[in-house]
Structures are given as C-alpha cells and as structure tokens.
Amino acid sequence: MPRLDRYGLATRTIHGQQQRDPFGSPHMPIYDTTTFAFDDTASLREVGEGKKRGGFYSRYGMNPTLYALEDVLAGLEGAEAALSFSAGMGAISALLLAHGKKGVVGYGEIYGGTLGLMAKGLPSLGYPVDLVLDNEDDALERRLREGIGLVFVETPSNPTLAITDIEKLARQAHTHGALVVVDNTFATPVNQLPLPLGADLVVHSATKYLGGHSDLTAGAVMGSRALLESIDWWRQSLGSAPSPQTASMLSRSLKTLSVRVAQHNRSAQTIAETLQSHAAVRRVHYPGLASHPGHEVARRQMRGFGGMLTLELEADLSLTEKIAESLRWFALAPSLGGAESLVTQPRTTTHVDLSDEERQRRGITDSMLRLSIGLEDVEDLLEDLDQALRLA
C-alpha cells in the first residue's frame, strides 16, 4: 500500500484503512465481539502490552473495526494517531482529564457542554480552570505565565463563528510550555487543519459533520501517540470507546465527507451573502463574509468557511422563537452537520445554562438563530428563510 500522506483528503478517507480484511473486503467488517482469543500466552501478552496491534478487548478500543476507523481519522488531520470515542464530550472529557491537571484555559466562545465541564466538573476535581474571552489577551498571557498547562479553543466558535488565529495562539502557548487543543468540529478537516498550524491535539464531535447523517453519536481526538497515551487510559477507564457498529457507520460516512462539506460550504456562503442585506436581519455571523471580523484570518488558515452560520434578527426572544418555528425545511433541533438543515436558538439550547450576564458578556443574544445548512437545494432554503423572516 502506498504512503497516503501525499494524497488528497478524499483519497485518504477512502483508502486510509491500514489494516486489511483477510477476506478482501474493502471496508473493514464489524467485529461485533467483546473479547478476542489467542493461541498462546505469549501472543496475548504481545497484543495486550501494545507491542503488536490486534484485537484484545473492545472496551479498551482494541478492536479491528475501531482500528480501521482511527487510521482514517488520523489521516484526516495529518496526525500520527487518533482515538475514537462514544461521543464528542467523551473525547473532550478524557483529553482534559489527561492533560488538564496543571490548569485549563477555555479561550473564546466554546460549546455549552464544554463550558459546563470546565466551569463545574474540572474544578470539583481540583483542576484549575479559567474562562478567557478572545479579547482578553492580557488575562491569557497572565495565566500562561503562571504555568497553566492547556489552552482549549474552538475556531470557528459555537455559536458566534468567531475565528482564532491558531498559529499565533500556538506560538504564545508554546513559549510557556502549554498545550493547544482545537475543537475542529465546525470547520472539519476539509476546511481546516490545526496540527500543521501548531496545535498539539484536535478534537471532534464526530456526531456532526464526520458522521454527517444525524444517525450516530461519536467523538475523536487526533495528535501524537505520546499525547494520546494518557487519553487512551482515561478512555479505557471511563468505558467511552464507541461500539464496533458505530465505528463502522462512521467509517462509511467519512468516505463522502469531502463532497458533503463542499456542498455545505457553497450553500452556506450563498445564504450568508443573501441574508446580510435582508431587512429582518441585523447581522450575519459567517467567516466567509468580508464583513466578518475574523475573515482575513479565516482566509489564511481555512480552505472553506463551513456550513454553519448564525443570524441576529431584528426581533425579541418571542418573535425569534416564532420565526424558528415557522421554517419548513429547517428542523428545530439542537445539533448540526447532517444532510438536513437545522435551526436552534443558542439562548434556549447550547447556552441555556449560562446566566443572562454571562451570555451578554459572550455576545449571545436573544435574537440569535444558529443555522446548520444542509444538503437541500439552496434556492429552497433561501425561499424558506425569506418566508419565515417576513414575520419580523
């Protein structure tokens, strides 16, 4: 098999499985088994101690179906290795437990579930945590000088689509010996590769674009084998490896990732450009627009701007709810990245647990609608949005 690192992403997603099925299947079959038998103790120890790759015990993630998935996941981000998880929050939890003991900075706007873990879960275990907005550079530098060990960032962020300069952040953090973790869920590896820009680890909610069909729940962490080793220990201990069935479904979905994301990009760009002049829209948050404050950085570090955009409407909370409920093709649902378009209000879903003051501090308003642009015909989506926005 040729080395795949010099080939394109679509080729790697289809041919990135390093381990071949002995019967010739191009797709690794589902090894729906909890444990694997060995001919002798020496063979068992060789696999169990990690000296040789092989099936051992599925809770440990040592299953051929998971290995095949993780080969592809690593290739997507240009990483040395990858670990798959039963959910994105499983991946984030194991990562922060493994590498956050010296302290964690949550930088900029971050998914509400991650914020909750940082604000409540980690401090209860004695992990120092600071939540620093992306305009509070002095606070970030101060915490780095004090020895905090990990900076966690989403770019583009959820739900404001703010852009962080990964290369700049990595240089700053590495000067003080801190790791940089990038949640790349919104961008996907099709649009952005954080590791070559200096990030140490990349995390995904694979439930979203990597899965792409709203039919599986999974997560992933990509990076060096050295950094993944302690994360893997937490994965085993917490029992958060995905099932072989889920791993197989995700492997299948990844084969179409490039073509799906390309369509998401095109449609979201068209919708963002159209709605920025709509009378009912106060502001469109989308990094593909020249008016977006992070547009120049996004152009430099991204190859496409993604399928997510957020609208701020000329409306209060009640009217914003009515507009969301009036959409025909956008399902009212708290997720993203599927073939179908979705709409949600961050005020009542992803960031509902934040206080009014904290939401205001983070720029999350009552009039926000977060749109996940699906694979429908863009003309139909625009027509749907227009008929709903007429309420405003």
Protein backbone atom coordinates (compact mmCIF):
# COMPACT_ATOMS: atom_id res chain seq x y z
CA MET A 1 0.00 0.00 0.00
CA PRO A 2 1.48 3.44 -0.92
CA ARG A 3 2.04 6.17 1.66
CA LEU A 4 -1.11 8.25 1.81
CA ASP A 5 0.18 11.46 3.39
CA ARG A 6 0.97 12.98 0.00
CA TYR A 7 -2.51 12.32 -1.40
CA GLY A 8 -5.69 14.37 -1.12
CA LEU A 9 -8.18 14.16 1.71
CA ALA A 10 -10.87 12.35 -0.28
CA THR A 11 -8.36 9.67 -1.30
CA ARG A 12 -7.23 9.28 2.30
CA THR A 13 -10.76 8.89 3.64
CA ILE A 14 -11.50 6.10 1.16
CA HIS A 15 -8.14 4.29 1.30
CA GLY A 16 -6.81 5.27 4.73
CA GLN A 17 -7.56 1.96 6.42
CA GLN A 18 -4.10 0.48 7.09
CA GLN A 19 -5.24 -2.91 8.30
CA ARG A 20 -6.75 -5.06 5.54
CA ASP A 21 -9.57 -7.51 5.92
CA PRO A 22 -8.12 -11.03 5.37
CA PHE A 23 -11.03 -11.93 3.07
CA GLY A 24 -10.59 -8.91 0.82
CA SER A 25 -13.42 -6.63 1.92
CA PRO A 26 -12.58 -3.01 1.00
CA HIS A 27 -14.43 -1.92 4.14
CA MET A 28 -13.42 -3.40 7.49
CA PRO A 29 -16.29 -5.66 8.67
CA ILE A 30 -17.95 -5.16 12.03
CA TYR A 31 -16.11 -7.22 14.63
CA ASP A 32 -19.10 -7.38 16.95
CA THR A 33 -17.29 -9.09 19.77
CA THR A 34 -16.23 -8.13 23.26
CA THR A 35 -13.07 -10.22 23.53
CA PHE A 36 -10.56 -11.97 21.29
CA ALA A 37 -8.93 -15.40 21.77
CA PHE A 38 -5.22 -16.20 21.37
CA ASP A 39 -3.32 -19.35 20.54
CA ASP A 40 -0.87 -18.87 23.40
CA THR A 41 0.01 -16.58 26.32
CA ALA A 42 2.95 -15.01 24.50
CA SER A 43 0.67 -13.79 21.71
CA LEU A 44 -1.87 -12.47 24.22
CA ARG A 45 0.81 -10.51 26.08
CA GLU A 46 2.27 -9.11 22.88
CA VAL A 47 -1.06 -7.53 21.92
CA GLY A 48 -2.18 -6.69 25.45
CA GLU A 49 1.05 -4.82 26.18
CA GLY A 50 0.78 -2.86 22.95
CA LYS A 51 3.80 -4.41 21.23
CA LYS A 52 1.62 -5.60 18.36
CA ARG A 53 -1.68 -4.31 17.06
CA GLY A 54 -4.56 -6.75 17.33
CA GLY A 55 -7.98 -7.45 18.74
CA PHE A 56 -7.92 -7.80 22.52
CA TYR A 57 -10.89 -6.31 24.40
CA SER A 58 -13.39 -3.92 22.85
CA ARG A 59 -13.87 -1.70 25.91
CA TYR A 60 -10.18 -0.85 25.56
CA GLY A 61 -10.76 0.20 21.96
CA MET A 62 -8.65 -2.78 20.85
CA ASN A 63 -10.94 -3.98 18.08
CA PRO A 64 -10.16 -4.17 14.33
CA THR A 65 -13.24 -2.14 13.39
CA LEU A 66 -12.10 0.71 15.66
CA TYR A 67 -8.52 0.47 14.40
CA ALA A 68 -9.71 0.87 10.81
CA LEU A 69 -11.72 3.96 11.75
CA GLU A 70 -8.85 5.51 13.69
CA ASP A 71 -6.45 5.05 10.80
CA VAL A 72 -8.74 7.20 8.67
CA LEU A 73 -9.35 9.75 11.44
CA ALA A 74 -5.62 10.25 11.91
CA GLY A 75 -5.13 10.70 8.18
CA LEU A 76 -7.87 13.33 8.03
CA GLU A 77 -6.00 15.68 10.35
CA GLY A 78 -2.47 14.69 9.31
CA ALA A 79 -1.93 13.25 12.79
CA GLU A 80 0.34 10.47 13.96
CA ALA A 81 -2.60 8.66 15.59
CA ALA A 82 -6.25 9.02 16.61
CA LEU A 83 -8.64 7.73 19.26
CA SER A 84 -12.37 7.27 18.69
CA PHE A 85 -14.98 7.82 21.40
CA SER A 86 -18.65 7.17 22.05
CA ALA A 87 -19.35 10.95 21.96
CA GLY A 88 -17.59 14.25 21.44
CA MET A 89 -17.93 15.08 25.14
CA GLY A 90 -16.36 11.70 25.92
CA ALA A 91 -13.35 12.73 23.84
CA ILE A 92 -13.14 16.17 25.45
CA SER A 93 -13.56 14.77 28.97
CA ALA A 94 -10.80 12.18 28.57
CA LEU A 95 -8.50 14.75 26.97
CA LEU A 96 -8.95 17.34 29.73
CA LEU A 97 -8.66 14.74 32.49
CA ALA A 98 -5.42 13.50 30.94
CA HIS A 99 -3.74 16.83 30.22
CA GLY A 100 -5.55 19.45 32.29
CA LYS A 101 -4.12 18.83 35.76
CA LYS A 102 -1.81 21.87 35.56
CA GLY A 103 -4.78 24.01 34.62
CA VAL A 104 -7.01 24.73 31.64
CA VAL A 105 -7.86 27.95 29.86
CA GLY A 106 -11.07 27.87 27.86
CA TYR A 107 -10.29 30.55 25.29
CA GLY A 108 -13.01 32.42 23.44
CA GLU A 109 -16.53 31.17 22.81
CA ILE A 110 -16.94 27.42 23.41
CA TYR A 111 -19.77 24.91 23.13
CA GLY A 112 -22.02 24.98 26.19
CA GLY A 113 -21.33 21.36 27.16
CA THR A 114 -17.59 22.01 27.20
CA LEU A 115 -18.13 25.21 29.19
CA GLY A 116 -20.14 23.25 31.74
CA LEU A 117 -17.38 20.67 32.12
CA MET A 118 -14.80 23.41 32.57
CA ALA A 119 -16.88 25.55 34.91
CA LYS A 120 -18.27 22.79 37.15
CA GLY A 121 -16.72 19.37 36.55
CA LEU A 122 -12.99 20.07 36.41
CA PRO A 123 -12.87 22.46 39.40
CA SER A 124 -14.68 19.87 41.52
CA LEU A 125 -11.72 17.55 40.84
CA GLY A 126 -9.15 20.18 41.73
CA TYR A 127 -8.26 21.21 38.17
CA PRO A 128 -7.63 24.97 37.88
CA VAL A 129 -9.82 26.47 35.14
CA ASP A 130 -10.06 29.96 33.65
CA LEU A 131 -12.58 31.05 31.02
CA VAL A 132 -10.98 33.83 28.98
CA LEU A 133 -12.67 35.66 26.12
CA ASP A 134 -10.77 36.13 22.89
CA ASN A 135 -10.42 39.88 23.54
CA GLU A 136 -8.82 39.31 26.94
CA ASP A 137 -5.26 38.74 25.74
CA ASP A 138 -3.68 40.11 28.93
CA ALA A 139 -5.61 37.58 31.02
CA LEU A 140 -4.48 34.72 28.77
CA GLU A 141 -0.84 35.79 28.91
CA ARG A 142 -1.03 36.15 32.70
CA ARG A 143 -2.41 32.64 33.15
CA LEU A 144 0.23 31.21 30.81
CA ARG A 145 2.97 32.92 32.80
CA GLU A 146 1.51 31.41 35.96
CA GLY A 147 2.04 27.95 34.49
CA ILE A 148 -1.35 26.84 33.23
CA GLY A 149 -0.81 23.79 31.02
CA LEU A 150 -3.51 23.70 28.35
CA VAL A 151 -5.42 26.16 26.17
CA PHE A 152 -8.66 24.88 24.64
CA VAL A 153 -10.20 26.78 21.72
CA GLU A 154 -12.95 26.35 19.13
CA THR A 155 -12.49 28.01 15.77
CA PRO A 156 -14.90 28.79 14.21
CA SER A 157 -16.64 29.03 17.57
CA ASN A 158 -20.10 27.93 18.64
CA PRO A 159 -22.36 29.86 18.13
CA THR A 160 -20.80 33.20 17.20
CA LEU A 161 -18.48 31.80 14.48
CA ALA A 162 -15.57 33.78 15.91
CA ILE A 163 -12.15 32.97 14.42
CA THR A 164 -8.98 32.39 16.43
CA ASP A 165 -5.55 32.64 14.81
CA ILE A 166 -4.31 29.11 15.61
CA GLU A 167 -0.71 29.76 14.60
CA LYS A 168 -0.47 32.86 16.79
CA LEU A 169 -2.11 31.17 19.76
CA ALA A 170 0.17 28.12 19.45
CA ARG A 171 3.31 30.27 19.43
CA GLN A 172 2.13 32.13 22.52
CA ALA A 173 1.18 28.98 24.43
CA HIS A 174 4.28 27.01 23.46
CA THR A 175 6.51 29.84 24.68
CA HIS A 176 5.21 28.99 28.15
CA GLY A 177 5.17 25.20 27.67
CA ALA A 178 1.39 24.89 27.37
CA LEU A 179 -0.52 22.61 25.01
CA VAL A 180 -3.06 23.93 22.49
CA VAL A 181 -6.21 21.91 21.78
CA VAL A 182 -8.50 22.90 18.90
CA ASP A 183 -12.10 21.76 18.62
CA ASN A 184 -12.34 21.44 14.83
CA THR A 185 -15.96 20.27 14.72
CA PHE A 186 -17.41 23.28 12.89
CA ALA A 187 -14.59 23.53 10.35
CA THR A 188 -13.92 19.82 9.68
CA PRO A 189 -10.57 18.66 8.27
CA VAL A 190 -11.86 19.53 4.81
CA ASN A 191 -11.73 23.22 5.68
CA GLN A 192 -9.03 23.47 8.35
CA LEU A 193 -6.01 21.53 9.65
CA PRO A 194 -4.97 22.82 13.09
CA LEU A 195 -1.99 20.49 13.65
CA PRO A 196 0.21 21.94 10.86
CA LEU A 197 -0.63 25.39 12.25
CA GLY A 198 0.90 24.43 15.60
CA ALA A 199 -1.93 22.86 17.61
CA ASP A 200 -0.97 19.83 19.70
CA LEU A 201 -4.30 18.00 19.70
CA VAL A 202 -7.51 18.19 17.67
CA VAL A 203 -10.90 17.11 18.95
CA HIS A 204 -14.18 16.47 17.11
CA SER A 205 -17.76 15.74 17.88
CA ALA A 206 -17.95 13.13 15.13
CA THR A 207 -21.72 13.13 15.68
CA LYS A 208 -21.73 16.23 13.49
CA TYR A 209 -20.03 16.57 10.08
CA LEU A 210 -17.81 13.49 10.29
CA GLY A 211 -20.92 11.34 10.76
CA GLY A 212 -22.97 13.68 8.64
CA HIS A 213 -26.35 11.90 8.69
CA SER A 214 -27.73 12.50 12.20
CA ASP A 215 -27.69 8.76 12.86
CA LEU A 216 -24.69 8.16 15.12
CA THR A 217 -23.02 9.61 18.21
CA ALA A 218 -19.22 9.58 18.36
CA GLY A 219 -16.12 11.64 19.08
CA ALA A 220 -12.44 11.71 18.16
CA VAL A 221 -9.07 13.04 19.30
CA MET A 222 -6.11 13.28 16.92
CA GLY A 223 -2.46 14.03 17.72
CA SER A 224 0.86 12.42 18.59
CA ARG A 225 0.99 8.92 20.06
CA ALA A 226 2.79 10.31 23.11
CA LEU A 227 -0.05 12.71 23.94
CA LEU A 228 -2.76 10.17 23.15
CA GLU A 229 -1.35 7.53 25.51
CA SER A 230 -2.73 9.09 28.70
CA ILE A 231 -6.01 9.99 26.96
CA ASP A 232 -6.38 6.34 25.99
CA TRP A 233 -6.01 5.33 29.65
CA TRP A 234 -8.95 7.56 30.55
CA ARG A 235 -10.95 6.21 27.62
CA GLN A 236 -10.45 2.67 28.90
CA SER A 237 -11.21 3.62 32.49
CA LEU A 238 -14.36 5.58 31.64
CA GLY A 239 -15.58 2.98 29.15
CA SER A 240 -16.03 5.60 26.43
CA ALA A 241 -14.84 3.75 23.33
CA PRO A 242 -17.53 3.55 20.61
CA SER A 243 -19.27 0.33 19.73
CA PRO A 244 -17.99 -1.53 16.64
CA GLN A 245 -21.34 -0.84 14.95
CA THR A 246 -20.93 2.92 15.46
CA ALA A 247 -17.31 2.78 14.33
CA SER A 248 -18.33 1.02 11.12
CA MET A 249 -21.11 3.56 10.43
CA LEU A 250 -18.68 6.43 10.96
CA SER A 251 -16.07 4.84 8.67
CA ARG A 252 -18.73 4.60 5.96
CA SER A 253 -19.79 8.22 6.43
CA LEU A 254 -16.23 9.53 6.19
CA LYS A 255 -15.95 8.29 2.62
CA THR A 256 -18.30 11.09 1.50
CA LEU A 257 -17.02 13.79 3.85
CA SER A 258 -15.25 15.84 1.17
CA VAL A 259 -18.20 16.05 -1.21
CA ARG A 260 -20.67 16.74 1.61
CA VAL A 261 -18.65 19.56 3.13
CA ALA A 262 -18.04 21.15 -0.26
CA GLN A 263 -21.81 21.42 -0.71
CA HIS A 264 -22.32 22.70 2.85
CA ASN A 265 -19.70 25.39 2.13
CA ARG A 266 -21.28 26.53 -1.11
CA SER A 267 -24.81 26.74 0.23
CA ALA A 268 -23.84 28.49 3.48
CA GLN A 269 -21.81 31.09 1.59
CA THR A 270 -24.75 31.81 -0.73
CA ILE A 271 -27.21 32.09 2.16
CA ALA A 272 -24.88 34.31 4.21
CA GLU A 273 -24.31 36.67 1.29
CA THR A 274 -28.03 36.87 0.57
CA LEU A 275 -29.24 37.40 4.12
CA GLN A 276 -26.72 40.07 5.10
CA SER A 277 -28.88 42.59 3.21
CA HIS A 278 -32.23 41.24 4.44
CA ALA A 279 -34.33 43.85 6.27
CA ALA A 280 -35.16 41.45 9.11
CA VAL A 281 -31.52 40.52 9.76
CA ARG A 282 -29.38 42.72 11.99
CA ARG A 283 -26.17 40.73 11.45
CA VAL A 284 -24.92 37.54 9.83
CA HIS A 285 -22.10 35.75 11.64
CA TYR A 286 -20.21 33.82 8.93
CA PRO A 287 -16.42 33.83 8.40
CA GLY A 288 -16.84 33.72 4.62
CA LEU A 289 -18.19 37.29 4.61
CA ALA A 290 -15.74 40.16 4.17
CA SER A 291 -17.64 41.97 6.94
CA HIS A 292 -16.80 39.25 9.46
CA PRO A 293 -14.10 40.47 11.90
CA GLY A 294 -12.17 37.21 11.54
CA HIS A 295 -12.44 36.97 7.76
CA GLU A 296 -8.78 37.64 6.95
CA VAL A 297 -7.53 35.09 9.49
CA ALA A 298 -10.10 32.61 8.22
CA ARG A 299 -8.91 33.09 4.65
CA ARG A 300 -5.36 32.38 5.78
CA GLN A 301 -5.99 29.23 7.83
CA MET A 302 -9.12 27.76 6.23
CA ARG A 303 -9.81 26.29 2.79
CA GLY A 304 -13.58 26.76 3.09
CA PHE A 305 -15.80 28.50 5.61
CA GLY A 306 -18.16 25.74 6.66
CA GLY A 307 -21.87 25.06 6.76
CA MET A 308 -22.69 26.92 9.99
CA LEU A 309 -23.93 30.48 10.26
CA THR A 310 -25.70 32.48 12.94
CA LEU A 311 -28.26 35.22 12.37
CA GLU A 312 -29.04 38.10 14.70
CA LEU A 313 -32.56 39.24 13.92
CA GLU A 314 -34.46 42.48 14.33
CA ALA A 315 -36.63 40.68 16.88
CA ASP A 316 -37.02 39.88 20.58
CA LEU A 317 -36.87 36.39 22.09
CA SER A 318 -40.53 35.61 21.48
CA LEU A 319 -40.52 36.69 17.85
CA THR A 320 -37.24 34.87 17.24
CA GLU A 321 -38.90 31.69 18.53
CA LYS A 322 -41.85 32.19 16.16
CA ILE A 323 -39.52 32.67 13.20
CA ALA A 324 -37.65 29.47 14.04
CA GLU A 325 -40.92 27.58 14.36
CA SER A 326 -42.14 28.94 11.00
CA LEU A 327 -39.32 27.40 9.00
CA ARG A 328 -40.37 24.46 6.82
CA TRP A 329 -37.11 22.83 5.74
CA PHE A 330 -35.07 23.69 8.84
CA ALA A 331 -35.86 21.25 11.62
CA LEU A 332 -35.94 22.79 15.10
CA ALA A 333 -33.25 20.65 16.71
CA PRO A 334 -30.09 21.07 18.83
CA SER A 335 -27.43 19.56 16.60
CA LEU A 336 -25.63 20.25 13.32
CA GLY A 337 -23.71 18.81 10.41
CA GLY A 338 -26.35 16.49 8.97
CA ALA A 339 -27.82 16.24 5.50
CA GLU A 340 -30.94 18.07 6.69
CA SER A 341 -30.88 21.76 7.64
CA LEU A 342 -31.39 22.56 11.33
CA VAL A 343 -32.17 25.69 13.33
CA THR A 344 -31.71 26.35 17.03
CA GLN A 345 -31.63 29.28 19.43
CA PRO A 346 -28.40 29.27 21.47
CA ARG A 347 -30.28 31.16 24.17
CA THR A 348 -32.54 28.16 24.79
CA THR A 349 -30.31 25.20 23.83
CA THR A 350 -26.49 25.18 23.67
CA HIS A 351 -26.01 28.04 26.16
CA VAL A 352 -29.19 27.79 28.23
CA ASP A 353 -27.24 27.05 31.43
CA LEU A 354 -25.34 30.34 31.32
CA SER A 355 -26.59 33.33 33.26
CA ASP A 356 -28.04 36.28 31.37
CA GLU A 357 -24.96 38.28 32.31
CA GLU A 358 -22.57 35.61 31.01
CA ARG A 359 -24.48 35.27 27.75
CA GLN A 360 -24.34 39.02 27.31
CA ARG A 361 -20.61 39.01 28.03
CA ARG A 362 -20.14 36.40 25.32
CA GLY A 363 -22.29 38.18 22.77
CA ILE A 364 -25.05 35.54 22.75
CA THR A 365 -28.30 37.44 22.27
CA ASP A 366 -31.97 36.54 22.49
CA SER A 367 -32.37 37.26 18.77
CA MET A 368 -29.80 34.70 17.60
CA LEU A 369 -30.67 31.78 15.34
CA ARG A 370 -27.93 29.26 14.61
CA LEU A 371 -28.38 27.58 11.25
CA SER A 372 -26.82 24.30 10.17
CA ILE A 373 -27.07 24.44 6.39
CA GLY A 374 -27.83 21.01 4.98
CA LEU A 375 -27.66 19.46 1.54
CA GLU A 376 -31.03 20.61 0.22
CA ASP A 377 -31.25 22.84 -2.86
CA VAL A 378 -30.07 26.25 -1.74
CA GLU A 379 -32.90 28.03 -3.59
CA ASP A 380 -35.44 26.15 -1.48
CA LEU A 381 -33.63 27.04 1.72
CA LEU A 382 -33.50 30.72 0.79
CA GLU A 383 -37.20 30.74 -0.01
CA ASP A 384 -37.95 29.10 3.33
CA LEU A 385 -35.83 31.58 5.26
CA ASP A 386 -37.43 34.52 3.49
CA GLN A 387 -40.99 33.41 4.24
CA ALA A 388 -40.15 32.95 7.93
CA LEU A 389 -38.24 36.23 8.24
CA ARG A 390 -41.23 38.16 6.93
CA LEU A 391 -42.68 37.75 10.42
CA ALA A 392 -40.09 40.28 11.59
